[in-house]
């Protein structure tokens, strides 16, 4: 698959490394070149400085041929904007985004975006672990 990841924080870098190791074509897009230090030395994908909400930056990253886009920046607003542009302007088949604030999930759903909340996921995991005897 041809995948664009917006946001090279810990999650973005880890996801890029996993997908690259499996042979996927990965393009990492982040507003700070310094973020790319998180990528492993074995990373064979492309790292580009650019704003994932900007159409021209996304075009340079190859969004018109992307099979998927994952938005995992530090900001919910940036993630939703990047995901909307990918889904509704460029018709990327698979778009995922992270949302820290689970109260916003309904908004994402109404926009037709697939959002994952680490807050909700971790709370569910912790609850399940507490219930294990």
C-alpha atoms as a PDB file:
ATOM      1  CA  UNK A   1       0.000   0.000   0.000  1.00  0.00           C
ATOM      2  CA  UNK A   2       0.962   3.610  -0.547  1.00  0.00           C
ATOM      3  CA  UNK A   3       0.469   5.345   2.819  1.00  0.00           C
ATOM      4  CA  UNK A   4       0.915   8.935   3.971  1.00  0.00           C
ATOM      5  CA  UNK A   5       1.379   9.548   7.684  1.00  0.00           C
ATOM      6  CA  UNK A   6       0.851  13.100   8.907  1.00  0.00           C
ATOM      7  CA  UNK A   7       2.729  13.706  12.159  1.00  0.00           C
ATOM      8  CA  UNK A   8       6.093  12.176  13.039  1.00  0.00           C
ATOM      9  CA  UNK A   9       5.681  11.953  16.788  1.00  0.00           C
ATOM     10  CA  UNK A  10       6.143   8.717  18.696  1.00  0.00           C
ATOM     11  CA  UNK A  11       3.050   7.060  17.226  1.00  0.00           C
ATOM     12  CA  UNK A  12       3.627   8.282  13.674  1.00  0.00           C
ATOM     13  CA  UNK A  13       7.269   7.221  13.683  1.00  0.00           C
ATOM     14  CA  UNK A  14       6.439   3.805  15.152  1.00  0.00           C
ATOM     15  CA  UNK A  15       3.667   3.237  12.610  1.00  0.00           C
ATOM     16  CA  UNK A  16       5.953   4.331   9.759  1.00  0.00           C
ATOM     17  CA  UNK A  17       8.637   1.894  10.900  1.00  0.00           C
ATOM     18  CA  UNK A  18       6.158  -1.001  11.139  1.00  0.00           C
ATOM     19  CA  UNK A  19       4.631  -0.339   7.721  1.00  0.00           C
ATOM     20  CA  UNK A  20       8.010   0.235   6.063  1.00  0.00           C
ATOM     21  CA  UNK A  21       9.322  -3.038   7.502  1.00  0.00           C
ATOM     22  CA  UNK A  22       6.355  -4.817   5.892  1.00  0.00           C
ATOM     23  CA  UNK A  23       7.246  -3.363   2.501  1.00  0.00           C
ATOM     24  CA  UNK A  24       4.639  -0.626   2.211  1.00  0.00           C
ATOM     25  CA  UNK A  25       5.490   2.666   0.508  1.00  0.00           C
ATOM     26  CA  UNK A  26       5.426   5.187   3.361  1.00  0.00           C
ATOM     27  CA  UNK A  27       5.622   8.954   3.148  1.00  0.00           C
ATOM     28  CA  UNK A  28       5.990  10.806   6.445  1.00  0.00           C
ATOM     29  CA  UNK A  29       4.825  14.428   6.517  1.00  0.00           C
ATOM     30  CA  UNK A  30       5.580  16.740   9.441  1.00  0.00           C
ATOM     31  CA  UNK A  31       5.942  20.497   9.929  1.00  0.00           C
ATOM     32  CA  UNK A  32       9.300  20.025  11.680  1.00  0.00           C
ATOM     33  CA  UNK A  33      12.325  18.312  10.142  1.00  0.00           C
ATOM     34  CA  UNK A  34      13.566  17.704  13.686  1.00  0.00           C
ATOM     35  CA  UNK A  35      10.698  15.210  14.179  1.00  0.00           C
ATOM     36  CA  UNK A  36      12.220  12.822  11.666  1.00  0.00           C
ATOM     37  CA  UNK A  37      14.928  11.910  14.180  1.00  0.00           C
ATOM     38  CA  UNK A  38      12.345   9.539  15.651  1.00  0.00           C
ATOM     39  CA  UNK A  39      12.418   7.401  12.515  1.00  0.00           C
ATOM     40  CA  UNK A  40      14.746   4.396  12.702  1.00  0.00           C
ATOM     41  CA  UNK A  41      17.921   4.420  10.624  1.00  0.00           C
ATOM     42  CA  UNK A  42      16.450   1.527   8.634  1.00  0.00           C
ATOM     43  CA  UNK A  43      13.440   3.588   7.473  1.00  0.00           C
ATOM     44  CA  UNK A  44      13.290   3.338   3.695  1.00  0.00           C
ATOM     45  CA  UNK A  45      10.338   5.634   3.116  1.00  0.00           C
ATOM     46  CA  UNK A  46      10.206   9.340   2.385  1.00  0.00           C
ATOM     47  CA  UNK A  47      10.251  12.063   5.048  1.00  0.00           C
ATOM     48  CA  UNK A  48       8.956  15.450   3.931  1.00  0.00           C
ATOM     49  CA  UNK A  49       8.574  18.769   5.734  1.00  0.00           C
ATOM     50  CA  UNK A  50       5.073  20.072   5.168  1.00  0.00           C
ATOM     51  CA  UNK A  51       1.676  20.810   6.665  1.00  0.00           C
ATOM     52  CA  UNK A  52      -0.783  17.928   6.390  1.00  0.00           C
ATOM     53  CA  UNK A  53      -3.689  20.367   6.095  1.00  0.00           C
ATOM     54  CA  UNK A  54      -2.176  22.068   3.044  1.00  0.00           C
ATOM     55  CA  UNK A  55      -3.302  20.698  -0.321  1.00  0.00           C
ATOM     56  CA  UNK A  56      -0.044  21.534  -2.094  1.00  0.00           C
ATOM     57  CA  UNK A  57       2.030  19.793   0.610  1.00  0.00           C
ATOM     58  CA  UNK A  58      -0.218  16.754   0.363  1.00  0.00           C
ATOM     59  CA  UNK A  59       0.160  16.739  -3.424  1.00  0.00           C
ATOM     60  CA  UNK A  60       3.959  16.817  -3.063  1.00  0.00           C
ATOM     61  CA  UNK A  61       3.629  13.874  -0.662  1.00  0.00           C
ATOM     62  CA  UNK A  62       1.766  11.949  -3.365  1.00  0.00           C
ATOM     63  CA  UNK A  63      -1.767  12.015  -2.002  1.00  0.00           C
ATOM     64  CA  UNK A  64      -3.289  11.617  -5.455  1.00  0.00           C
ATOM     65  CA  UNK A  65      -1.876   8.070  -5.555  1.00  0.00           C
ATOM     66  CA  UNK A  66      -2.264   7.275  -1.842  1.00  0.00           C
ATOM     67  CA  UNK A  67      -4.181   4.218  -0.691  1.00  0.00           C
ATOM     68  CA  UNK A  68      -4.385   5.539   2.863  1.00  0.00           C
ATOM     69  CA  UNK A  69      -3.666   8.544   5.061  1.00  0.00           C
ATOM     70  CA  UNK A  70      -3.195   8.454   8.809  1.00  0.00           C
ATOM     71  CA  UNK A  71      -3.286  11.749  10.736  1.00  0.00           C
ATOM     72  CA  UNK A  72      -1.527  11.532  14.107  1.00  0.00           C
ATOM     73  CA  UNK A  73      -0.314  15.045  14.865  1.00  0.00           C
ATOM     74  CA  UNK A  74      -0.480  16.497  18.372  1.00  0.00           C
ATOM     75  CA  UNK A  75      -3.648  18.443  17.572  1.00  0.00           C
ATOM     76  CA  UNK A  76      -7.169  17.125  17.110  1.00  0.00           C
ATOM     77  CA  UNK A  77      -8.027  20.071  14.844  1.00  0.00           C
ATOM     78  CA  UNK A  78      -5.065  19.433  12.552  1.00  0.00           C
ATOM     79  CA  UNK A  79      -5.902  15.742  12.410  1.00  0.00           C
ATOM     80  CA  UNK A  80      -9.533  16.360  11.489  1.00  0.00           C
ATOM     81  CA  UNK A  81      -8.583  18.933   8.839  1.00  0.00           C
ATOM     82  CA  UNK A  82      -5.959  16.672   7.283  1.00  0.00           C
ATOM     83  CA  UNK A  83      -8.364  13.722   7.316  1.00  0.00           C
ATOM     84  CA  UNK A  84     -11.174  15.767   5.742  1.00  0.00           C
ATOM     85  CA  UNK A  85      -8.923  17.056   2.968  1.00  0.00           C
ATOM     86  CA  UNK A  86      -7.699  13.510   2.243  1.00  0.00           C
ATOM     87  CA  UNK A  87     -11.167  11.976   2.257  1.00  0.00           C
ATOM     88  CA  UNK A  88     -13.331  14.657   0.694  1.00  0.00           C
ATOM     89  CA  UNK A  89     -10.963  16.469  -1.686  1.00  0.00           C
ATOM     90  CA  UNK A  90      -8.544  13.737  -2.755  1.00  0.00           C
ATOM     91  CA  UNK A  91     -10.873  10.733  -2.232  1.00  0.00           C
ATOM     92  CA  UNK A  92      -8.225   8.689  -0.414  1.00  0.00           C
ATOM     93  CA  UNK A  93      -9.811   5.236   0.112  1.00  0.00           C
ATOM     94  CA  UNK A  94      -8.732   4.717   3.734  1.00  0.00           C
ATOM     95  CA  UNK A  95      -8.372   7.639   6.149  1.00  0.00           C
ATOM     96  CA  UNK A  96      -7.690   7.253   9.867  1.00  0.00           C
ATOM     97  CA  UNK A  97      -7.101   9.925  12.457  1.00  0.00           C
ATOM     98  CA  UNK A  98      -6.297  10.157  16.127  1.00  0.00           C
ATOM     99  CA  UNK A  99      -8.523  12.149  18.437  1.00  0.00           C
ATOM    100  CA  UNK A 100      -7.426  12.851  21.978  1.00  0.00           C
ATOM    101  CA  UNK A 101     -10.764  14.278  23.133  1.00  0.00           C
ATOM    102  CA  UNK A 102     -13.325  11.453  23.047  1.00  0.00           C
ATOM    103  CA  UNK A 103     -16.148  13.997  23.361  1.00  0.00           C
ATOM    104  CA  UNK A 104     -15.373  15.094  19.795  1.00  0.00           C
ATOM    105  CA  UNK A 105     -15.812  11.594  18.376  1.00  0.00           C
ATOM    106  CA  UNK A 106     -19.450  12.240  17.407  1.00  0.00           C
ATOM    107  CA  UNK A 107     -18.338  15.193  15.288  1.00  0.00           C
ATOM    108  CA  UNK A 108     -15.785  13.013  13.499  1.00  0.00           C
ATOM    109  CA  UNK A 109     -18.436  10.354  12.919  1.00  0.00           C
ATOM    110  CA  UNK A 110     -20.864  12.835  11.347  1.00  0.00           C
ATOM    111  CA  UNK A 111     -18.086  13.930   8.995  1.00  0.00           C
ATOM    112  CA  UNK A 112     -17.614  10.308   7.938  1.00  0.00           C
ATOM    113  CA  UNK A 113     -14.134  10.067   9.432  1.00  0.00           C
ATOM    114  CA  UNK A 114     -12.717   7.023  11.151  1.00  0.00           C
ATOM    115  CA  UNK A 115     -11.218   8.295  14.393  1.00  0.00           C
ATOM    116  CA  UNK A 116      -9.404   6.415  17.120  1.00  0.00           C
ATOM    117  CA  UNK A 117      -9.178   7.874  20.609  1.00  0.00           C
ATOM    118  CA  UNK A 118      -6.161   6.665  22.607  1.00  0.00           C
ATOM    119  CA  UNK A 119      -7.903   8.077  25.676  1.00  0.00           C
ATOM    120  CA  UNK A 120     -10.850   5.730  25.207  1.00  0.00           C
ATOM    121  CA  UNK A 121      -8.724   2.757  24.132  1.00  0.00           C
ATOM    122  CA  UNK A 122      -6.412   3.033  27.141  1.00  0.00           C
ATOM    123  CA  UNK A 123      -9.308   3.496  29.580  1.00  0.00           C
ATOM    124  CA  UNK A 124     -10.941   0.334  28.204  1.00  0.00           C
ATOM    125  CA  UNK A 125      -7.670  -1.627  28.466  1.00  0.00           C
ATOM    126  CA  UNK A 126      -7.066  -0.474  32.038  1.00  0.00           C
ATOM    127  CA  UNK A 127     -10.625  -1.338  33.036  1.00  0.00           C
ATOM    128  CA  UNK A 128     -10.247  -4.812  31.507  1.00  0.00           C
ATOM    129  CA  UNK A 129      -6.959  -5.350  33.379  1.00  0.00           C
ATOM    130  CA  UNK A 130      -8.556  -4.282  36.648  1.00  0.00           C
ATOM    131  CA  UNK A 131     -11.289  -6.871  36.153  1.00  0.00           C
ATOM    132  CA  UNK A 132      -8.805  -9.723  35.621  1.00  0.00           C
ATOM    133  CA  UNK A 133      -8.335 -11.783  38.756  1.00  0.00           C
END
